[in-house]
Amino acid sequence: MKIVFLDRKTIGDDIDLSGYEALGEVVIYDFSTPEQIPERVKDADVIVLNKMPVNAQTIGGAEKLKLVCVTATGTNNLDKEYLAEKNIAWRNVAGYSTESVAQHTFAMLFYLLEHLPYYDEYVKSEKYVGDKMFTHFEKHFHEISGMTWGIIGLGAIGRRVAEIATCFGAKVIYCSTSGQNHNSDYREVSFEELLATSDVISIHAPLTEKTLHLIDSTAVEQMKESAILLNVGRGPIVVEQDLYEALMAGKIAAAGLDVLDVEPMSADNPLKALKDSGRLLITPHIAWAATEARTRLMKIIEGQIKEFFSL
């Protein structure tokens, strides 16, 4: 069996892939372009990829191909009708990054809620040296306990965030963007009520027709001026120009984003101009990427290959 990794760098160099070598010949490419894929997969039995397109143009000549493994949950890059026509199986992985994404959600919240960039700079600039008081009160912050935390998308990650937020004493409410996830542990509300009453809003929904541009100027206008918005779902759920204008006008307190409309960040992204870390935190799509999560992901895929070929 020949296993070809098309974009190995997307899972990190630090993840051990030696287990795959026991399954057959392994060929690893750090990155691939769509134009390079046909030659690279022409004699592959299995291809492992993250973002590469899989369609008639890229794998049409791969006559031995039996299995496509996606190192992610999303499979928008797969032409599933073509794969079915060619009797090629595909696998993705769900649930591997729940703990990592939930943890990052709170890391972003604490950074913004407690004004950590301001206080870090205050001390490092030595303004605290010889200060008159032992406490510096310039930036006020509040306890999570007693806050209303609104969750958009109550899937596995949304539920985990809800559990943790409850441990901090927050009152959790949610809306289901798909209409399929319901949970009696938390109060389900309309989208409009969630916007109007939440102190923290975190997005954990997939990108669908219903969630595309869900957070636009109209939505932001309904939010509290003191609200903090966190997006660890998908970038296009938030209209970035509208968010930029809202942050500049003080219509909401702050936003933390781990996902953007275009990734890597495009040169014309309006948020690029907002350098105030107290109002905006952007991380480069790393919420899923704890070492344990990436290790778990690749072990699951290794197991999927073994199961498929009954190894």
Protein backbone atom coordinates (compact mmCIF):
# COMPACT_ATOMS: atom_id res chain seq x y z
CA MET A 1 0.00 0.00 0.00
CA LYS A 2 1.18 3.53 -0.79
CA ILE A 3 0.10 6.40 1.46
CA VAL A 4 0.70 9.94 0.22
CA PHE A 5 0.55 12.98 2.51
CA LEU A 6 -0.14 16.05 0.36
CA ASP A 7 0.19 18.88 2.91
CA ARG A 8 1.90 17.48 5.97
CA LYS A 9 2.94 20.93 7.24
CA THR A 10 -0.71 21.70 8.03
CA ILE A 11 -0.58 19.35 11.01
CA GLY A 12 2.84 20.49 12.27
CA ASP A 13 6.33 19.03 12.12
CA ASP A 14 6.22 17.96 15.75
CA ILE A 15 3.61 15.21 15.29
CA ASP A 16 5.02 11.68 15.04
CA LEU A 17 3.80 9.86 11.92
CA SER A 18 6.02 6.78 12.30
CA GLY A 19 2.99 4.56 12.92
CA TYR A 20 1.99 4.95 9.28
CA GLU A 21 5.24 3.39 8.11
CA ALA A 22 4.06 0.01 9.39
CA LEU A 23 1.10 0.21 7.01
CA GLY A 24 3.06 0.54 3.79
CA GLU A 25 5.12 2.97 1.74
CA VAL A 26 4.74 6.54 2.98
CA VAL A 27 5.46 9.57 0.80
CA ILE A 28 5.28 12.97 2.46
CA TYR A 29 4.95 16.37 0.80
CA ASP A 30 5.03 19.45 3.02
CA PHE A 31 2.73 21.35 0.66
CA SER A 32 1.15 20.72 -2.73
CA THR A 33 -0.52 22.86 -5.34
CA PRO A 34 -3.59 21.61 -7.24
CA GLU A 35 -1.38 21.36 -10.32
CA GLN A 36 1.10 19.08 -8.51
CA ILE A 37 -1.49 16.70 -7.08
CA PRO A 38 -2.16 14.51 -10.19
CA GLU A 39 1.48 13.44 -10.50
CA ARG A 40 1.90 12.95 -6.77
CA VAL A 41 -1.16 10.69 -6.32
CA LYS A 42 -1.12 8.73 -9.58
CA ASP A 43 -0.08 5.47 -7.87
CA ALA A 44 -1.41 6.14 -4.34
CA ASP A 45 -3.78 3.80 -2.53
CA VAL A 46 -4.46 6.36 0.22
CA ILE A 47 -4.07 10.12 0.25
CA VAL A 48 -4.00 12.15 3.45
CA LEU A 49 -4.69 15.86 3.18
CA ASN A 50 -6.14 18.88 4.91
CA LYS A 51 -7.07 21.68 2.51
CA MET A 52 -6.18 20.22 -0.90
CA PRO A 53 -9.02 19.97 -3.46
CA VAL A 54 -10.09 16.44 -4.35
CA ASN A 55 -11.95 16.26 -7.65
CA ALA A 56 -11.73 14.91 -11.18
CA GLN A 57 -8.96 17.35 -12.08
CA THR A 58 -6.68 16.47 -9.16
CA ILE A 59 -7.23 12.71 -8.73
CA GLY A 60 -8.68 11.68 -12.09
CA GLY A 61 -5.53 9.75 -12.95
CA ALA A 62 -5.20 8.01 -9.58
CA GLU A 63 -6.41 4.59 -10.72
CA LYS A 64 -5.30 2.77 -7.54
CA LEU A 65 -6.83 5.27 -5.12
CA LYS A 66 -9.17 3.66 -2.60
CA LEU A 67 -9.31 6.03 0.39
CA VAL A 68 -9.11 9.78 0.99
CA CYS A 69 -8.43 10.87 4.59
CA VAL A 70 -9.05 14.48 5.60
CA THR A 71 -7.08 15.74 8.61
CA ALA A 72 -10.02 17.91 9.68
CA THR A 73 -13.75 17.84 10.28
CA GLY A 74 -14.77 19.98 7.31
CA THR A 75 -14.91 18.29 3.90
CA ASN A 76 -15.89 21.15 1.60
CA ASN A 77 -12.77 20.45 -0.46
CA LEU A 78 -14.03 16.99 -1.50
CA ASP A 79 -16.13 16.38 -4.60
CA LYS A 80 -18.16 13.65 -2.94
CA GLU A 81 -20.22 12.87 -6.03
CA TYR A 82 -17.06 12.19 -8.00
CA LEU A 83 -15.64 10.04 -5.22
CA ALA A 84 -18.85 8.00 -5.09
CA GLU A 85 -18.83 7.60 -8.88
CA LYS A 86 -15.26 6.25 -8.71
CA ASN A 87 -16.03 4.11 -5.64
CA ILE A 88 -13.38 5.92 -3.60
CA ALA A 89 -14.08 6.09 0.14
CA TRP A 90 -13.39 9.14 2.27
CA ARG A 91 -12.99 9.77 5.97
CA ASN A 92 -12.84 12.88 8.13
CA VAL A 93 -12.36 13.30 11.88
CA ALA A 94 -14.72 14.95 14.34
CA GLY A 95 -14.35 15.59 18.05
CA TYR A 96 -10.56 15.48 18.24
CA SER A 97 -10.12 19.17 19.13
CA THR A 98 -13.02 19.83 21.52
CA GLU A 99 -10.85 20.39 24.58
CA SER A 100 -8.31 22.48 22.68
CA VAL A 101 -10.90 24.81 21.12
CA ALA A 102 -12.77 25.23 24.39
CA GLN A 103 -9.53 26.09 26.17
CA HIS A 104 -8.60 28.66 23.54
CA THR A 105 -12.04 30.24 23.80
CA PHE A 106 -11.38 31.02 27.44
CA ALA A 107 -7.79 32.10 26.76
CA MET A 108 -9.11 34.77 24.40
CA LEU A 109 -11.82 35.81 26.83
CA PHE A 110 -9.45 36.29 29.76
CA TYR A 111 -7.03 38.26 27.59
CA LEU A 112 -9.78 40.72 26.65
CA LEU A 113 -11.97 40.67 29.74
CA GLU A 114 -9.18 41.44 32.21
CA HIS A 115 -7.36 43.89 29.92
CA LEU A 116 -4.22 41.78 30.09
CA PRO A 117 -2.39 43.55 27.24
CA TYR A 118 -2.76 46.88 29.07
CA TYR A 119 -1.61 45.55 32.44
CA ASP A 120 1.26 43.60 30.89
CA GLU A 121 2.51 46.74 29.13
CA TYR A 122 1.98 48.81 32.29
CA VAL A 123 4.38 46.64 34.25
CA LYS A 124 6.91 46.03 31.46
CA SER A 125 7.14 49.73 30.72
CA GLU A 126 8.13 50.12 34.39
CA LYS A 127 5.24 52.43 35.23
CA TYR A 128 4.60 50.12 38.19
CA VAL A 129 8.09 50.71 39.54
CA GLY A 130 7.77 53.14 42.41
CA ASP A 131 4.00 53.54 41.88
CA LYS A 132 2.06 55.17 44.71
CA MET A 133 -0.29 52.19 45.24
CA PHE A 134 0.13 48.44 45.13
CA THR A 135 -2.92 48.13 42.84
CA HIS A 136 -3.43 49.98 39.58
CA PHE A 137 -7.14 50.43 38.85
CA GLU A 138 -7.06 52.10 35.42
CA LYS A 139 -8.86 49.34 33.50
CA HIS A 140 -11.89 47.87 35.23
CA PHE A 141 -12.90 44.26 34.73
CA HIS A 142 -15.75 42.08 35.95
CA GLU A 143 -16.25 38.54 37.16
CA ILE A 144 -17.61 35.91 34.78
CA SER A 145 -19.83 34.78 37.62
CA GLY A 146 -23.23 36.29 37.06
CA MET A 147 -22.62 37.13 33.40
CA THR A 148 -24.85 35.85 30.62
CA TRP A 149 -22.86 33.79 28.14
CA GLY A 150 -24.52 33.30 24.76
CA ILE A 151 -23.40 30.37 22.63
CA ILE A 152 -24.08 30.22 18.91
CA GLY A 153 -23.92 26.58 17.93
CA LEU A 154 -24.35 24.00 20.70
CA GLY A 155 -22.44 21.10 19.18
CA ALA A 156 -19.68 19.25 21.02
CA ILE A 157 -17.45 22.31 21.39
CA GLY A 158 -20.32 24.61 22.27
CA ARG A 159 -21.47 22.20 24.98
CA ARG A 160 -17.97 21.97 26.45
CA VAL A 161 -17.68 25.78 26.56
CA ALA A 162 -21.11 25.89 28.22
CA GLU A 163 -19.96 23.43 30.89
CA ILE A 164 -16.84 25.45 31.68
CA ALA A 165 -18.68 28.78 31.65
CA THR A 166 -21.18 27.33 34.12
CA CYS A 167 -18.30 26.34 36.41
CA PHE A 168 -17.30 30.01 36.46
CA GLY A 169 -20.83 30.93 37.47
CA ALA A 170 -22.09 32.27 34.15
CA LYS A 171 -25.67 31.87 33.04
CA VAL A 172 -25.52 30.08 29.69
CA ILE A 173 -28.04 30.60 26.93
CA TYR A 174 -27.78 29.35 23.36
CA CYS A 175 -29.31 29.35 19.93
CA SER A 176 -29.06 26.47 17.49
CA THR A 177 -28.18 27.63 13.99
CA SER A 178 -29.12 24.26 12.50
CA GLY A 179 -32.25 23.79 14.58
CA GLN A 180 -30.98 20.29 15.43
CA ASN A 181 -29.01 20.72 18.65
CA HIS A 182 -31.21 21.11 21.70
CA ASN A 183 -30.14 20.75 25.30
CA SER A 184 -32.34 20.95 28.36
CA ASP A 185 -29.36 21.88 30.56
CA TYR A 186 -29.30 25.39 29.08
CA ARG A 187 -31.99 27.82 27.98
CA GLU A 188 -32.56 28.01 24.26
CA VAL A 189 -33.38 31.50 23.03
CA SER A 190 -33.88 33.29 19.75
CA PHE A 191 -30.88 34.75 17.98
CA GLU A 192 -32.18 38.23 18.72
CA GLU A 193 -32.53 37.57 22.45
CA LEU A 194 -29.06 36.06 22.59
CA LEU A 195 -27.57 39.17 20.99
CA ALA A 196 -29.45 41.57 23.23
CA THR A 197 -28.82 39.89 26.58
CA SER A 198 -25.36 38.29 26.39
CA ASP A 199 -22.27 39.72 28.03
CA VAL A 200 -20.10 37.21 26.17
CA ILE A 201 -21.02 35.68 22.82
CA SER A 202 -18.99 32.77 21.49
CA ILE A 203 -19.47 31.25 18.06
CA HIS A 204 -18.98 27.50 17.65
CA ALA A 205 -21.13 26.92 14.57
CA PRO A 206 -20.12 25.50 11.20
CA LEU A 207 -20.31 27.60 8.05
CA THR A 208 -23.65 27.03 6.34
CA GLU A 209 -26.12 29.09 4.33
CA LYS A 210 -27.77 30.00 7.65
CA THR A 211 -24.56 31.13 9.36
CA LEU A 212 -22.83 32.93 6.46
CA HIS A 213 -22.52 36.61 7.50
CA LEU A 214 -24.69 35.92 10.55
CA ILE A 215 -22.84 38.56 12.57
CA ASP A 216 -23.25 41.71 10.50
CA SER A 217 -23.95 45.35 11.32
CA THR A 218 -27.59 44.56 12.12
CA ALA A 219 -26.55 41.88 14.61
CA VAL A 220 -23.88 44.05 16.22
CA GLU A 221 -26.38 46.88 16.70
CA GLN A 222 -28.43 44.55 18.91
CA MET A 223 -25.51 43.64 21.18
CA LYS A 224 -24.57 45.30 24.45
CA GLU A 225 -21.84 47.94 24.24
CA SER A 226 -20.06 45.99 26.98
CA ALA A 227 -20.25 42.68 25.10
CA ILE A 228 -17.25 40.60 24.06
CA LEU A 229 -17.57 38.59 20.84
CA LEU A 230 -15.50 35.43 20.29
CA ASN A 231 -15.41 33.57 16.98
CA VAL A 232 -13.84 30.12 16.99
CA GLY A 233 -16.25 28.74 14.41
CA ARG A 234 -15.67 29.86 10.84
CA GLY A 235 -14.43 33.23 9.62
CA PRO A 236 -17.20 34.09 7.13
CA ILE A 237 -19.80 33.90 9.91
CA VAL A 238 -18.63 37.42 10.84
CA VAL A 239 -18.70 40.31 8.38
CA GLU A 240 -15.26 41.72 9.07
CA GLN A 241 -15.90 45.22 7.76
CA ASP A 242 -18.98 45.51 9.99
CA LEU A 243 -17.03 44.24 13.00
CA TYR A 244 -14.21 46.70 12.35
CA GLU A 245 -16.64 49.61 12.20
CA ALA A 246 -18.40 48.43 15.36
CA LEU A 247 -15.15 48.16 17.30
CA MET A 248 -13.95 51.56 16.12
CA ALA A 249 -17.27 53.14 17.12
CA GLY A 250 -17.35 51.40 20.52
CA LYS A 251 -20.56 49.54 19.73
CA ILE A 252 -19.14 46.45 21.46
CA ALA A 253 -16.29 46.24 23.94
CA ALA A 254 -13.99 43.76 22.22
CA ALA A 255 -13.67 40.80 19.89
CA GLY A 256 -11.47 37.73 19.80
CA LEU A 257 -11.14 35.86 16.52
CA ASP A 258 -9.32 32.63 15.74
CA VAL A 259 -10.78 32.41 12.24
CA LEU A 260 -10.98 34.87 9.37
CA ASP A 261 -12.86 35.21 6.11
CA VAL A 262 -9.67 34.51 4.15
CA GLU A 263 -6.81 32.51 5.70
CA PRO A 264 -3.97 33.34 5.88
CA MET A 265 -5.08 36.92 6.50
CA SER A 266 -5.57 38.92 3.31
CA ALA A 267 -3.80 42.22 2.77
CA ASP A 268 -7.12 44.04 2.44
CA ASN A 269 -8.69 42.69 5.64
CA PRO A 270 -10.11 45.78 7.40
CA LEU A 271 -9.27 44.35 10.82
CA LYS A 272 -5.56 44.58 9.97
CA ALA A 273 -5.72 48.31 10.68
CA LEU A 274 -6.96 47.90 14.25
CA LYS A 275 -3.82 47.59 16.37
CA ASP A 276 -5.46 48.01 19.79
CA SER A 277 -5.01 44.64 21.49
CA GLY A 278 -7.44 45.65 24.19
CA ARG A 279 -10.26 45.74 21.67
CA LEU A 280 -9.22 43.09 19.16
CA LEU A 281 -7.33 39.82 19.49
CA ILE A 282 -6.73 37.70 16.39
CA THR A 283 -4.97 34.36 16.58
CA PRO A 284 -3.93 32.50 13.38
CA HIS A 285 -6.41 29.60 13.42
CA ILE A 286 -4.68 27.82 16.31
CA ALA A 287 -7.60 26.98 18.61
CA TRP A 288 -7.71 23.38 17.33
CA ALA A 289 -3.95 22.89 17.40
CA ALA A 290 -2.94 21.80 20.90
CA THR A 291 -0.27 19.11 20.64
CA GLU A 292 -2.61 16.55 22.15
CA ALA A 293 -5.38 17.39 19.67
CA ARG A 294 -3.10 17.06 16.64
CA THR A 295 -1.65 13.79 17.97
CA ARG A 296 -5.17 12.48 18.57
CA LEU A 297 -6.19 13.51 15.05
CA MET A 298 -3.40 11.61 13.33
CA LYS A 299 -3.85 8.51 15.49
CA ILE A 300 -7.53 8.45 14.55
CA ILE A 301 -6.66 8.64 10.84
CA GLU A 302 -4.08 5.89 11.26
CA GLY A 303 -6.84 3.79 12.81
CA GLN A 304 -9.23 4.61 9.97
CA ILE A 305 -6.73 3.32 7.41
CA LYS A 306 -6.20 0.11 9.40
CA GLU A 307 -9.93 -0.42 9.71
CA PHE A 308 -10.61 0.25 6.03
CA PHE A 309 -7.98 -2.23 4.87
CA SER A 310 -8.65 -4.66 7.77
CA LEU A 311 -5.05 -4.45 8.92
